[in-house]
Amino acid sequence: MKIAFVGKGGSGKTTLSSLFIRHLAGARVPVIAVDADINQHLGAALGLDEAEAAALPAMGAHLPLIKDYLRGSNPRIPSSESMIKTTPPGEGSRLLRVGEANPVYAACARPVELDDSAVRLMATGPFTESDLGVACYHSKVGAVELCLNHLVDGRGEYVVVDMTAGSDSFASGMFTRFDMTFLVAEPTRKGVAVYRQYSEYARDFGVPLKVVGNKVQGPEDLAFLRDEVGDDLLVTVGHSDWVRAMEKGRPARFAQLEEANHAALRTLHDTADAAYADRDWERYTRQMVHFHLKNAESWGNAKTGVDLAAQVDPAFVLFEGAATPQPA
């Protein structure tokens, strides 16, 4: 199951995504955590110190390896250099699975110990000084989008992505890659403004969206969120002494998180799990192709010098049991 956490900057998006990851790990669910936010704080929220977080490999730095592995023997893709972030899989492409070992995870993922369990953590990499004025952050998340396009995950397997803040996610088609999107919103006008933007775009593409109210301090805050987001409000989270201690670098064992917050995380898990019944791999593949053709026409063909529409395999539909060729 592919889960996104979105919201405005400062909403608590990274904190909530890290708590959900800890919850899944505690339930012995296989998890890949992905930090796709420009600020790159997910590692710290999962307990890494500054040096450990800084040492995480940047997915963007391994993009040639990722492309070469995923291309496999797909005859429609003559070279990895002609692949872009939206290139869809086809016959002969190598696909990714959550629990497997493969060169992509070996290069880009690192284990993070969480009490008595562990998750794999991947990171897009920070926005560096050399990027200023010459690149946009969406170039960093291209590796994440390419991996999601080639992922065949099943029920009970999770990829949790901490997305970039605000509505920037709509600068690519990655917002359609998820089984469930949790939008973290504070009970303020700015907090719900991102919800209005996101829900409008998400509705057009059939993207499942639920709101997690954060920093809710009483009945007035709850009533405000209910008035503003209606039935999309799934659950609310209030103050947490456990989170405050974690942010100071002194986390207790996760079992000591407040029971009300554990209950909220169980609701998120149940909601994400229930989304499995609504999976539509044909629509998922169509949307993938749709955004690939748009990117090809807009900039991809000019950048690569080839007709990227030819990469589309019209007979191919990604699905959970799809086979992937093994390396020779």
C-alpha atoms as a PDB file:
ATOM      1  CA  MET A   1       0.000   0.000   0.000  1.00  0.00           C
ATOM      2  CA  LYS A   2       1.379   3.379  -1.024  1.00  0.00           C
ATOM      3  CA  ILE A   3       0.594   6.136   1.479  1.00  0.00           C
ATOM      4  CA  ALA A   4       1.372   9.862   1.181  1.00  0.00           C
ATOM      5  CA  PHE A   5       1.453  12.457   3.941  1.00  0.00           C
ATOM      6  CA  VAL A   6       0.914  16.018   2.704  1.00  0.00           C
ATOM      7  CA  GLY A   7       0.118  19.399   4.258  1.00  0.00           C
ATOM      8  CA  LYS A   8       1.390  22.922   4.611  1.00  0.00           C
ATOM      9  CA  GLY A   9       4.806  23.588   6.064  1.00  0.00           C
ATOM     10  CA  GLY A  10       4.741  23.365   9.846  1.00  0.00           C
ATOM     11  CA  SER A  11       1.500  21.382   9.978  1.00  0.00           C
ATOM     12  CA  GLY A  12       3.167  18.388  11.590  1.00  0.00           C
ATOM     13  CA  LYS A  13       3.199  16.329   8.397  1.00  0.00           C
ATOM     14  CA  THR A  14       6.629  14.806   9.012  1.00  0.00           C
ATOM     15  CA  THR A  15       5.862  14.094  12.661  1.00  0.00           C
ATOM     16  CA  LEU A  16       2.595  12.332  11.780  1.00  0.00           C
ATOM     17  CA  SER A  17       4.198  10.329   8.992  1.00  0.00           C
ATOM     18  CA  SER A  18       6.987   9.227  11.351  1.00  0.00           C
ATOM     19  CA  LEU A  19       4.443   8.158  13.985  1.00  0.00           C
ATOM     20  CA  PHE A  20       2.529   6.162  11.383  1.00  0.00           C
ATOM     21  CA  ILE A  21       5.761   4.492  10.268  1.00  0.00           C
ATOM     22  CA  ARG A  22       6.556   3.600  13.890  1.00  0.00           C
ATOM     23  CA  HIS A  23       3.036   2.213  14.313  1.00  0.00           C
ATOM     24  CA  LEU A  24       3.361   0.010  11.223  1.00  0.00           C
ATOM     25  CA  ALA A  25       6.796  -1.206  12.303  1.00  0.00           C
ATOM     26  CA  GLY A  26       5.430  -2.043  15.739  1.00  0.00           C
ATOM     27  CA  ALA A  27       2.693  -4.079  14.068  1.00  0.00           C
ATOM     28  CA  ARG A  28       5.432  -6.033  12.232  1.00  0.00           C
ATOM     29  CA  VAL A  29       4.306  -4.676   8.863  1.00  0.00           C
ATOM     30  CA  PRO A  30       7.006  -4.415   6.152  1.00  0.00           C
ATOM     31  CA  VAL A  31       7.663  -0.698   5.590  1.00  0.00           C
ATOM     32  CA  ILE A  32       9.712   1.429   3.235  1.00  0.00           C
ATOM     33  CA  ALA A  33       9.792   5.045   4.419  1.00  0.00           C
ATOM     34  CA  VAL A  34      10.612   7.732   1.851  1.00  0.00           C
ATOM     35  CA  ASP A  35      11.589  11.311   2.659  1.00  0.00           C
ATOM     36  CA  ALA A  36      10.472  13.328  -0.371  1.00  0.00           C
ATOM     37  CA  ASP A  37      10.259  16.673   1.430  1.00  0.00           C
ATOM     38  CA  ILE A  38      12.647  19.475   0.555  1.00  0.00           C
ATOM     39  CA  ASN A  39      13.536  19.862   4.237  1.00  0.00           C
ATOM     40  CA  GLN A  40      14.579  16.200   4.746  1.00  0.00           C
ATOM     41  CA  HIS A  41      13.537  15.794   8.395  1.00  0.00           C
ATOM     42  CA  LEU A  42      12.023  12.301   8.322  1.00  0.00           C
ATOM     43  CA  GLY A  43      15.268  10.596   9.348  1.00  0.00           C
ATOM     44  CA  ALA A  44      15.526  12.756  12.458  1.00  0.00           C
ATOM     45  CA  ALA A  45      11.857  12.149  13.264  1.00  0.00           C
ATOM     46  CA  LEU A  46      12.613   8.419  13.149  1.00  0.00           C
ATOM     47  CA  GLY A  47      15.434   8.842  15.638  1.00  0.00           C
ATOM     48  CA  LEU A  48      18.558   9.318  13.518  1.00  0.00           C
ATOM     49  CA  ASP A  49      21.101  11.823  14.773  1.00  0.00           C
ATOM     50  CA  GLU A  50      22.391  14.590  12.514  1.00  0.00           C
ATOM     51  CA  ALA A  51      25.368  12.602  11.260  1.00  0.00           C
ATOM     52  CA  GLU A  52      23.277   9.514  10.511  1.00  0.00           C
ATOM     53  CA  ALA A  53      20.632  11.562   8.696  1.00  0.00           C
ATOM     54  CA  ALA A  54      23.286  13.398   6.662  1.00  0.00           C
ATOM     55  CA  ALA A  55      24.844  10.069   5.666  1.00  0.00           C
ATOM     56  CA  LEU A  56      21.672   8.781   4.015  1.00  0.00           C
ATOM     57  CA  PRO A  57      22.300   8.212   0.298  1.00  0.00           C
ATOM     58  CA  ALA A  58      20.430  10.582  -2.015  1.00  0.00           C
ATOM     59  CA  MET A  59      18.170   8.759  -4.458  1.00  0.00           C
ATOM     60  CA  GLY A  60      18.834  11.426  -7.081  1.00  0.00           C
ATOM     61  CA  ALA A  61      22.541  10.660  -6.954  1.00  0.00           C
ATOM     62  CA  HIS A  62      21.763   7.057  -7.910  1.00  0.00           C
ATOM     63  CA  LEU A  63      19.314   7.879 -10.694  1.00  0.00           C
ATOM     64  CA  PRO A  64      21.459   6.254 -13.457  1.00  0.00           C
ATOM     65  CA  LEU A  65      21.539   2.990 -11.478  1.00  0.00           C
ATOM     66  CA  ILE A  66      17.787   3.168 -10.800  1.00  0.00           C
ATOM     67  CA  LYS A  67      17.012   3.741 -14.465  1.00  0.00           C
ATOM     68  CA  ASP A  68      19.320   0.997 -15.679  1.00  0.00           C
ATOM     69  CA  TYR A  69      17.882  -1.554 -13.259  1.00  0.00           C
ATOM     70  CA  LEU A  70      14.219  -0.708 -13.944  1.00  0.00           C
ATOM     71  CA  ARG A  71      14.714  -0.634 -17.728  1.00  0.00           C
ATOM     72  CA  GLY A  72      15.619  -4.321 -17.681  1.00  0.00           C
ATOM     73  CA  SER A  73      15.139  -5.793 -21.142  1.00  0.00           C
ATOM     74  CA  ASN A  74      12.237  -3.538 -22.152  1.00  0.00           C
ATOM     75  CA  PRO A  75      12.690  -3.239 -25.947  1.00  0.00           C
ATOM     76  CA  ARG A  76      10.811   0.090 -26.027  1.00  0.00           C
ATOM     77  CA  ILE A  77      13.554   1.743 -23.980  1.00  0.00           C
ATOM     78  CA  PRO A  78      16.837   1.493 -25.925  1.00  0.00           C
ATOM     79  CA  SER A  79      18.905   3.189 -23.198  1.00  0.00           C
ATOM     80  CA  SER A  80      18.545   4.315 -19.600  1.00  0.00           C
ATOM     81  CA  GLU A  81      19.527   7.825 -20.712  1.00  0.00           C
ATOM     82  CA  SER A  82      16.211   8.098 -22.563  1.00  0.00           C
ATOM     83  CA  MET A  83      14.188   7.388 -19.407  1.00  0.00           C
ATOM     84  CA  ILE A  84      12.567  10.262 -17.538  1.00  0.00           C
ATOM     85  CA  LYS A  85      10.801  10.363 -14.178  1.00  0.00           C
ATOM     86  CA  THR A  86       7.453   9.344 -15.704  1.00  0.00           C
ATOM     87  CA  THR A  87       8.672   6.491 -17.919  1.00  0.00           C
ATOM     88  CA  PRO A  88       6.168   3.669 -17.408  1.00  0.00           C
ATOM     89  CA  PRO A  89       7.052  -0.015 -17.160  1.00  0.00           C
ATOM     90  CA  GLY A  90       6.344  -2.415 -20.005  1.00  0.00           C
ATOM     91  CA  GLU A  91       7.135  -5.947 -21.049  1.00  0.00           C
ATOM     92  CA  GLY A  92      10.705  -6.677 -19.947  1.00  0.00           C
ATOM     93  CA  SER A  93      10.890  -3.939 -17.294  1.00  0.00           C
ATOM     94  CA  ARG A  94      12.108  -4.874 -13.839  1.00  0.00           C
ATOM     95  CA  LEU A  95       9.589  -4.181 -11.085  1.00  0.00           C
ATOM     96  CA  LEU A  96      10.105  -3.438  -7.403  1.00  0.00           C
ATOM     97  CA  ARG A  97       8.605  -5.220  -4.413  1.00  0.00           C
ATOM     98  CA  VAL A  98       8.600  -3.984  -0.842  1.00  0.00           C
ATOM     99  CA  GLY A  99      10.276  -6.903   0.869  1.00  0.00           C
ATOM    100  CA  GLU A 100      12.817  -7.950  -1.720  1.00  0.00           C
ATOM    101  CA  ALA A 101      16.537  -7.313  -2.016  1.00  0.00           C
ATOM    102  CA  ASN A 102      17.577  -5.518  -5.201  1.00  0.00           C
ATOM    103  CA  PRO A 103      20.289  -3.090  -6.388  1.00  0.00           C
ATOM    104  CA  VAL A 104      18.010  -0.058  -5.971  1.00  0.00           C
ATOM    105  CA  TYR A 105      17.435  -0.719  -2.274  1.00  0.00           C
ATOM    106  CA  ALA A 106      21.072  -1.685  -1.789  1.00  0.00           C
ATOM    107  CA  ALA A 107      22.163   1.706  -3.122  1.00  0.00           C
ATOM    108  CA  CYS A 108      19.422   3.944  -1.752  1.00  0.00           C
ATOM    109  CA  ALA A 109      17.828   2.389   1.348  1.00  0.00           C
ATOM    110  CA  ARG A 110      19.217   2.138   4.854  1.00  0.00           C
ATOM    111  CA  PRO A 111      17.747   0.255   7.838  1.00  0.00           C
ATOM    112  CA  VAL A 112      16.463   2.307  10.770  1.00  0.00           C
ATOM    113  CA  GLU A 113      15.969   0.506  14.079  1.00  0.00           C
ATOM    114  CA  LEU A 114      12.740   1.357  15.888  1.00  0.00           C
ATOM    115  CA  ASP A 115      12.493  -0.291  19.311  1.00  0.00           C
ATOM    116  CA  ASP A 116      12.193  -4.003  18.473  1.00  0.00           C
ATOM    117  CA  SER A 117      11.679  -3.623  14.723  1.00  0.00           C
ATOM    118  CA  ALA A 118      13.174  -1.847  11.726  1.00  0.00           C
ATOM    119  CA  VAL A 119      12.153  -0.074   8.516  1.00  0.00           C
ATOM    120  CA  ARG A 120      13.981   0.793   5.325  1.00  0.00           C
ATOM    121  CA  LEU A 121      14.469   4.524   4.849  1.00  0.00           C
ATOM    122  CA  MET A 122      15.082   6.205   1.497  1.00  0.00           C
ATOM    123  CA  ALA A 123      15.617   9.924   0.910  1.00  0.00           C
ATOM    124  CA  THR A 124      15.522  12.114  -2.173  1.00  0.00           C
ATOM    125  CA  GLY A 125      18.442  14.133  -0.878  1.00  0.00           C
ATOM    126  CA  PRO A 126      18.601  17.776   0.228  1.00  0.00           C
ATOM    127  CA  PHE A 127      18.337  20.840  -1.973  1.00  0.00           C
ATOM    128  CA  THR A 128      21.980  21.902  -2.171  1.00  0.00           C
ATOM    129  CA  GLU A 129      23.710  25.215  -2.780  1.00  0.00           C
ATOM    130  CA  SER A 130      24.680  24.071  -6.270  1.00  0.00           C
ATOM    131  CA  ASP A 131      20.963  23.696  -7.101  1.00  0.00           C
ATOM    132  CA  LEU A 132      20.117  27.300  -6.281  1.00  0.00           C
ATOM    133  CA  GLY A 133      18.944  29.228  -9.302  1.00  0.00           C
ATOM    134  CA  VAL A 134      19.415  26.332 -11.723  1.00  0.00           C
ATOM    135  CA  ALA A 135      17.108  23.528 -10.557  1.00  0.00           C
ATOM    136  CA  CYS A 136      13.703  22.986  -9.016  1.00  0.00           C
ATOM    137  CA  TYR A 137      13.099  20.551  -6.204  1.00  0.00           C
ATOM    138  CA  HIS A 138      10.887  18.374  -8.382  1.00  0.00           C
ATOM    139  CA  SER A 139      14.035  17.195 -10.152  1.00  0.00           C
ATOM    140  CA  LYS A 140      14.985  15.604  -6.815  1.00  0.00           C
ATOM    141  CA  VAL A 141      11.790  13.575  -6.462  1.00  0.00           C
ATOM    142  CA  GLY A 142      11.949  12.163 -10.002  1.00  0.00           C
ATOM    143  CA  ALA A 143      13.688   9.044  -8.671  1.00  0.00           C
ATOM    144  CA  VAL A 144      10.814   8.485  -6.219  1.00  0.00           C
ATOM    145  CA  GLU A 145       8.208   8.822  -8.967  1.00  0.00           C
ATOM    146  CA  LEU A 146      10.095   6.401 -11.216  1.00  0.00           C
ATOM    147  CA  CYS A 147      10.297   3.831  -8.412  1.00  0.00           C
ATOM    148  CA  LEU A 148       6.596   4.191  -7.570  1.00  0.00           C
ATOM    149  CA  ASN A 149       5.754   3.661 -11.251  1.00  0.00           C
ATOM    150  CA  HIS A 150       7.561   0.307 -11.108  1.00  0.00           C
ATOM    151  CA  LEU A 151       6.316  -0.808  -7.682  1.00  0.00           C
ATOM    152  CA  VAL A 152       4.009  -3.837  -7.309  1.00  0.00           C
ATOM    153  CA  ASP A 153       3.143  -3.725  -3.619  1.00  0.00           C
ATOM    154  CA  GLY A 154       0.503  -5.844  -1.943  1.00  0.00           C
ATOM    155  CA  ARG A 155      -1.846  -5.672   0.991  1.00  0.00           C
ATOM    156  CA  GLY A 156       0.036  -5.630   4.265  1.00  0.00           C
ATOM    157  CA  GLU A 157       3.102  -4.014   2.657  1.00  0.00           C
ATOM    158  CA  TYR A 158       3.608  -0.275   3.023  1.00  0.00           C
ATOM    159  CA  VAL A 159       5.519   2.490   1.307  1.00  0.00           C
ATOM    160  CA  VAL A 160       5.011   5.709   3.292  1.00  0.00           C
ATOM    161  CA  VAL A 161       6.116   8.930   1.598  1.00  0.00           C
ATOM    162  CA  ASP A 162       6.576  12.220   3.441  1.00  0.00           C
ATOM    163  CA  MET A 163       5.811  14.592   0.575  1.00  0.00           C
ATOM    164  CA  THR A 164       6.972  18.145  -0.003  1.00  0.00           C
ATOM    165  CA  ALA A 165       4.840  20.791   1.697  1.00  0.00           C
ATOM    166  CA  GLY A 166       1.851  22.617   0.261  1.00  0.00           C
ATOM    167  CA  SER A 167       0.445  21.984  -3.184  1.00  0.00           C
ATOM    168  CA  ASP A 168       3.893  21.551  -4.797  1.00  0.00           C
ATOM    169  CA  SER A 169       3.112  17.842  -5.190  1.00  0.00           C
ATOM    170  CA  PHE A 170       0.931  18.734  -8.171  1.00  0.00           C
ATOM    171  CA  ALA A 171       3.955  19.838 -10.188  1.00  0.00           C
ATOM    172  CA  SER A 172       4.282  16.168 -11.155  1.00  0.00           C
ATOM    173  CA  GLY A 173       1.954  13.214 -11.512  1.00  0.00           C
ATOM    174  CA  MET A 174       3.270  11.665  -8.311  1.00  0.00           C
ATOM    175  CA  PHE A 175       0.155  12.703  -6.380  1.00  0.00           C
ATOM    176  CA  THR A 176      -1.792  10.014  -8.286  1.00  0.00           C
ATOM    177  CA  ARG A 177       0.594   7.219  -7.236  1.00  0.00           C
ATOM    178  CA  PHE A 178      -0.949   6.577  -3.809  1.00  0.00           C
ATOM    179  CA  ASP A 179      -3.664   4.300  -2.454  1.00  0.00           C
ATOM    180  CA  MET A 180      -4.378   6.842   0.279  1.00  0.00           C
ATOM    181  CA  THR A 181      -3.286  10.409   0.935  1.00  0.00           C
ATOM    182  CA  PHE A 182      -3.415  11.765   4.473  1.00  0.00           C
ATOM    183  CA  LEU A 183      -3.506  15.560   4.536  1.00  0.00           C
ATOM    184  CA  VAL A 184      -2.357  16.960   7.866  1.00  0.00           C
ATOM    185  CA  ALA A 185      -4.212  20.185   8.664  1.00  0.00           C
ATOM    186  CA  GLU A 186      -4.124  22.533  11.616  1.00  0.00           C
ATOM    187  CA  PRO A 187      -7.396  24.184  12.712  1.00  0.00           C
ATOM    188  CA  THR A 188      -6.539  27.490  11.008  1.00  0.00           C
ATOM    189  CA  ARG A 189      -7.481  29.190   7.754  1.00  0.00           C
ATOM    190  CA  LYS A 190      -4.001  28.543   6.356  1.00  0.00           C
ATOM    191  CA  GLY A 191      -4.224  24.939   7.480  1.00  0.00           C
ATOM    192  CA  VAL A 192      -7.398  24.242   5.540  1.00  0.00           C
ATOM    193  CA  ALA A 193      -6.382  26.315   2.489  1.00  0.00           C
ATOM    194  CA  VAL A 194      -3.988  23.552   1.384  1.00  0.00           C
ATOM    195  CA  TYR A 195      -6.832  21.061   1.860  1.00  0.00           C
ATOM    196  CA  ARG A 196      -9.080  23.005  -0.525  1.00  0.00           C
ATOM    197  CA  GLN A 197      -6.382  23.096  -3.186  1.00  0.00           C
ATOM    198  CA  TYR A 198      -5.450  19.471  -2.756  1.00  0.00           C
ATOM    199  CA  SER A 199      -8.987  18.112  -2.622  1.00  0.00           C
ATOM    200  CA  GLU A 200      -9.962  19.895  -5.842  1.00  0.00           C
ATOM    201  CA  TYR A 201      -7.066  18.425  -7.796  1.00  0.00           C
ATOM    202  CA  ALA A 202      -7.300  15.010  -6.136  1.00  0.00           C
ATOM    203  CA  ARG A 203     -11.010  14.690  -6.916  1.00  0.00           C
ATOM    204  CA  ASP A 204     -10.369  15.138 -10.639  1.00  0.00           C
ATOM    205  CA  PHE A 205      -8.080  12.101 -10.631  1.00  0.00           C
ATOM    206  CA  GLY A 206      -9.936   9.908  -8.157  1.00  0.00           C
ATOM    207  CA  VAL A 207      -7.200  10.234  -5.527  1.00  0.00           C
ATOM    208  CA  PRO A 208      -8.425   9.031  -2.073  1.00  0.00           C
ATOM    209  CA  LEU A 209      -7.910  11.799   0.484  1.00  0.00           C
ATOM    210  CA  LYS A 210      -8.514  11.989   4.231  1.00  0.00           C
ATOM    211  CA  VAL A 211      -7.710  14.826   6.633  1.00  0.00           C
ATOM    212  CA  VAL A 212      -5.802  14.341   9.884  1.00  0.00           C
ATOM    213  CA  GLY A 213      -6.442  17.277  12.183  1.00  0.00           C
ATOM    214  CA  ASN A 214      -3.283  18.161  14.103  1.00  0.00           C
ATOM    215  CA  LYS A 215      -2.680  20.455  17.092  1.00  0.00           C
ATOM    216  CA  VAL A 216      -6.367  20.242  17.980  1.00  0.00           C
ATOM    217  CA  GLN A 217      -6.796  21.668  21.471  1.00  0.00           C
ATOM    218  CA  GLY A 218     -10.509  21.531  22.142  1.00  0.00           C
ATOM    219  CA  PRO A 219     -14.113  21.463  20.845  1.00  0.00           C
ATOM    220  CA  GLU A 220     -13.785  24.770  18.993  1.00  0.00           C
ATOM    221  CA  ASP A 221     -10.822  23.515  16.978  1.00  0.00           C
ATOM    222  CA  LEU A 222     -12.665  20.293  16.192  1.00  0.00           C
ATOM    223  CA  ALA A 223     -15.812  22.155  15.136  1.00  0.00           C
ATOM    224  CA  PHE A 224     -13.754  24.448  12.885  1.00  0.00           C
ATOM    225  CA  LEU A 225     -12.193  21.511  11.052  1.00  0.00           C
ATOM    226  CA  ARG A 226     -15.521  19.737  10.682  1.00  0.00           C
ATOM    227  CA  ASP A 227     -17.075  22.876   9.214  1.00  0.00           C
ATOM    228  CA  GLU A 228     -14.186  23.359   6.777  1.00  0.00           C
ATOM    229  CA  VAL A 229     -13.440  19.819   5.563  1.00  0.00           C
ATOM    230  CA  GLY A 230     -16.660  17.926   6.305  1.00  0.00           C
ATOM    231  CA  ASP A 231     -16.616  14.161   5.934  1.00  0.00           C
ATOM    232  CA  ASP A 232     -12.982  14.197   4.809  1.00  0.00           C
ATOM    233  CA  LEU A 233     -11.956  14.709   8.444  1.00  0.00           C
ATOM    234  CA  LEU A 234     -10.843  11.254   9.568  1.00  0.00           C
ATOM    235  CA  VAL A 235      -9.256  11.778  12.979  1.00  0.00           C
ATOM    236  CA  THR A 236      -7.599  14.435  15.122  1.00  0.00           C
ATOM    237  CA  VAL A 237      -4.392  14.517  17.137  1.00  0.00           C
ATOM    238  CA  GLY A 238      -3.646  16.766  20.091  1.00  0.00           C
ATOM    239  CA  HIS A 239      -0.619  17.626  22.187  1.00  0.00           C
ATOM    240  CA  SER A 240       1.829  14.807  22.836  1.00  0.00           C
ATOM    241  CA  ASP A 241       4.447  14.775  25.581  1.00  0.00           C
ATOM    242  CA  TRP A 242       5.988  11.761  23.825  1.00  0.00           C
ATOM    243  CA  VAL A 243       6.439  13.765  20.615  1.00  0.00           C
ATOM    244  CA  ARG A 244       7.869  16.718  22.533  1.00  0.00           C
ATOM    245  CA  ALA A 245      10.467  14.441  24.149  1.00  0.00           C
ATOM    246  CA  MET A 246      11.258  12.862  20.768  1.00  0.00           C
ATOM    247  CA  GLU A 247      11.826  16.291  19.231  1.00  0.00           C
ATOM    248  CA  LYS A 248      14.309  17.017  22.028  1.00  0.00           C
ATOM    249  CA  GLY A 249      16.197  13.837  21.157  1.00  0.00           C
ATOM    250  CA  ARG A 250      14.935  11.908  24.185  1.00  0.00           C
ATOM    251  CA  PRO A 251      12.231   9.572  22.876  1.00  0.00           C
ATOM    252  CA  ALA A 252      10.700   6.945  25.125  1.00  0.00           C
ATOM    253  CA  ARG A 253       9.700   3.573  23.761  1.00  0.00           C
ATOM    254  CA  PHE A 254       6.878   3.978  21.261  1.00  0.00           C
ATOM    255  CA  ALA A 255       4.532   1.921  23.436  1.00  0.00           C
ATOM    256  CA  GLN A 256       4.489   4.896  25.824  1.00  0.00           C
ATOM    257  CA  LEU A 257       2.866   7.200  23.260  1.00  0.00           C
ATOM    258  CA  GLU A 258      -0.454   8.459  24.591  1.00  0.00           C
ATOM    259  CA  GLU A 259      -3.302   5.980  24.074  1.00  0.00           C
ATOM    260  CA  ALA A 260      -5.454   8.577  22.267  1.00  0.00           C
ATOM    261  CA  ASN A 261      -2.688   9.017  19.708  1.00  0.00           C
ATOM    262  CA  HIS A 262      -2.191   5.265  19.389  1.00  0.00           C
ATOM    263  CA  ALA A 263      -5.923   5.044  18.659  1.00  0.00           C
ATOM    264  CA  ALA A 264      -5.605   7.728  15.967  1.00  0.00           C
ATOM    265  CA  LEU A 265      -2.776   5.780  14.327  1.00  0.00           C
ATOM    266  CA  ARG A 266      -4.853   2.598  14.380  1.00  0.00           C
ATOM    267  CA  THR A 267      -7.584   4.526  12.555  1.00  0.00           C
ATOM    268  CA  LEU A 268      -5.067   5.609   9.904  1.00  0.00           C
ATOM    269  CA  HIS A 269      -3.901   2.010   9.520  1.00  0.00           C
ATOM    270  CA  ASP A 270      -7.449   0.661   9.216  1.00  0.00           C
ATOM    271  CA  THR A 271      -8.331   3.342   6.661  1.00  0.00           C
ATOM    272  CA  ALA A 272      -5.237   2.673   4.575  1.00  0.00           C
ATOM    273  CA  ASP A 273      -5.831  -1.075   4.700  1.00  0.00           C
ATOM    274  CA  ALA A 274      -9.462  -0.648   3.628  1.00  0.00           C
ATOM    275  CA  ALA A 275      -8.318   1.282   0.543  1.00  0.00           C
ATOM    276  CA  TYR A 276      -6.967  -1.982  -0.850  1.00  0.00           C
ATOM    277  CA  ALA A 277     -10.483  -2.965  -1.932  1.00  0.00           C
ATOM    278  CA  ASP A 278     -10.640   0.064  -4.250  1.00  0.00           C
ATOM    279  CA  ARG A 279      -7.389  -0.580  -6.101  1.00  0.00           C
ATOM    280  CA  ASP A 280      -7.744  -0.222  -9.851  1.00  0.00           C
ATOM    281  CA  TRP A 281      -4.502  -1.170 -11.585  1.00  0.00           C
ATOM    282  CA  GLU A 282      -5.874  -0.330 -15.038  1.00  0.00           C
ATOM    283  CA  ARG A 283      -6.708   3.242 -13.984  1.00  0.00           C
ATOM    284  CA  TYR A 284      -3.365   3.482 -12.199  1.00  0.00           C
ATOM    285  CA  THR A 285      -1.573   2.485 -15.412  1.00  0.00           C
ATOM    286  CA  ARG A 286      -3.659   4.882 -17.519  1.00  0.00           C
ATOM    287  CA  GLN A 287      -2.791   7.787 -15.239  1.00  0.00           C
ATOM    288  CA  MET A 288       0.869   6.842 -15.390  1.00  0.00           C
ATOM    289  CA  VAL A 289       0.783   6.901 -19.187  1.00  0.00           C
ATOM    290  CA  HIS A 290      -1.231  10.152 -19.205  1.00  0.00           C
ATOM    291  CA  PHE A 291       1.400  12.039 -17.217  1.00  0.00           C
ATOM    292  CA  HIS A 292       4.237  10.464 -19.156  1.00  0.00           C
ATOM    293  CA  LEU A 293       2.815  11.697 -22.451  1.00  0.00           C
ATOM    294  CA  LYS A 294       2.247  15.168 -20.993  1.00  0.00           C
ATOM    295  CA  ASN A 295       5.834  15.361 -19.738  1.00  0.00           C
ATOM    296  CA  ALA A 296       7.165  13.979 -23.022  1.00  0.00           C
ATOM    297  CA  GLU A 297       5.401  16.680 -25.022  1.00  0.00           C
ATOM    298  CA  SER A 298       6.188  19.476 -22.573  1.00  0.00           C
ATOM    299  CA  TRP A 299       9.937  18.915 -22.109  1.00  0.00           C
ATOM    300  CA  GLY A 300      10.970  15.262 -22.244  1.00  0.00           C
ATOM    301  CA  ASN A 301      11.220  14.814 -26.015  1.00  0.00           C
ATOM    302  CA  ALA A 302      13.335  17.946 -26.352  1.00  0.00           C
ATOM    303  CA  LYS A 303      15.614  16.986 -23.462  1.00  0.00           C
ATOM    304  CA  THR A 304      16.253  13.390 -24.544  1.00  0.00           C
ATOM    305  CA  GLY A 305      16.072  13.901 -28.305  1.00  0.00           C
ATOM    306  CA  VAL A 306      13.746  10.913 -28.748  1.00  0.00           C
ATOM    307  CA  ASP A 307      10.001  10.371 -29.041  1.00  0.00           C
ATOM    308  CA  LEU A 308       9.158   9.266 -25.505  1.00  0.00           C
ATOM    309  CA  ALA A 309       5.626   8.270 -26.489  1.00  0.00           C
ATOM    310  CA  ALA A 310       7.247   5.187 -28.033  1.00  0.00           C
ATOM    311  CA  GLN A 311       8.133   4.016 -24.506  1.00  0.00           C
ATOM    312  CA  VAL A 312       4.466   3.282 -23.792  1.00  0.00           C
ATOM    313  CA  ASP A 313       3.580  -0.403 -24.060  1.00  0.00           C
ATOM    314  CA  PRO A 314      -0.156  -0.328 -24.939  1.00  0.00           C
ATOM    315  CA  ALA A 315      -0.694  -3.953 -23.926  1.00  0.00           C
ATOM    316  CA  PHE A 316       0.948  -3.639 -20.498  1.00  0.00           C
ATOM    317  CA  VAL A 317      -1.015  -3.171 -17.273  1.00  0.00           C
ATOM    318  CA  LEU A 318       0.837  -3.001 -13.986  1.00  0.00           C
ATOM    319  CA  PHE A 319      -0.657  -5.315 -11.373  1.00  0.00           C
ATOM    320  CA  GLU A 320       0.238  -6.891  -8.074  1.00  0.00           C
ATOM    321  CA  GLY A 321       1.289 -10.256  -9.466  1.00  0.00           C
ATOM    322  CA  ALA A 322       3.194  -8.923 -12.465  1.00  0.00           C
ATOM    323  CA  ALA A 323       6.348 -10.856 -13.237  1.00  0.00           C
ATOM    324  CA  THR A 324       9.721  -9.176 -13.484  1.00  0.00           C
ATOM    325  CA  PRO A 325      12.688 -10.568 -15.434  1.00  0.00           C
ATOM    326  CA  GLN A 326      15.703 -11.475 -13.345  1.00  0.00           C
ATOM    327  CA  PRO A 327      19.174 -10.079 -14.051  1.00  0.00           C
ATOM    328  CA  ALA A 328      21.236 -12.275 -16.326  1.00  0.00           C
END
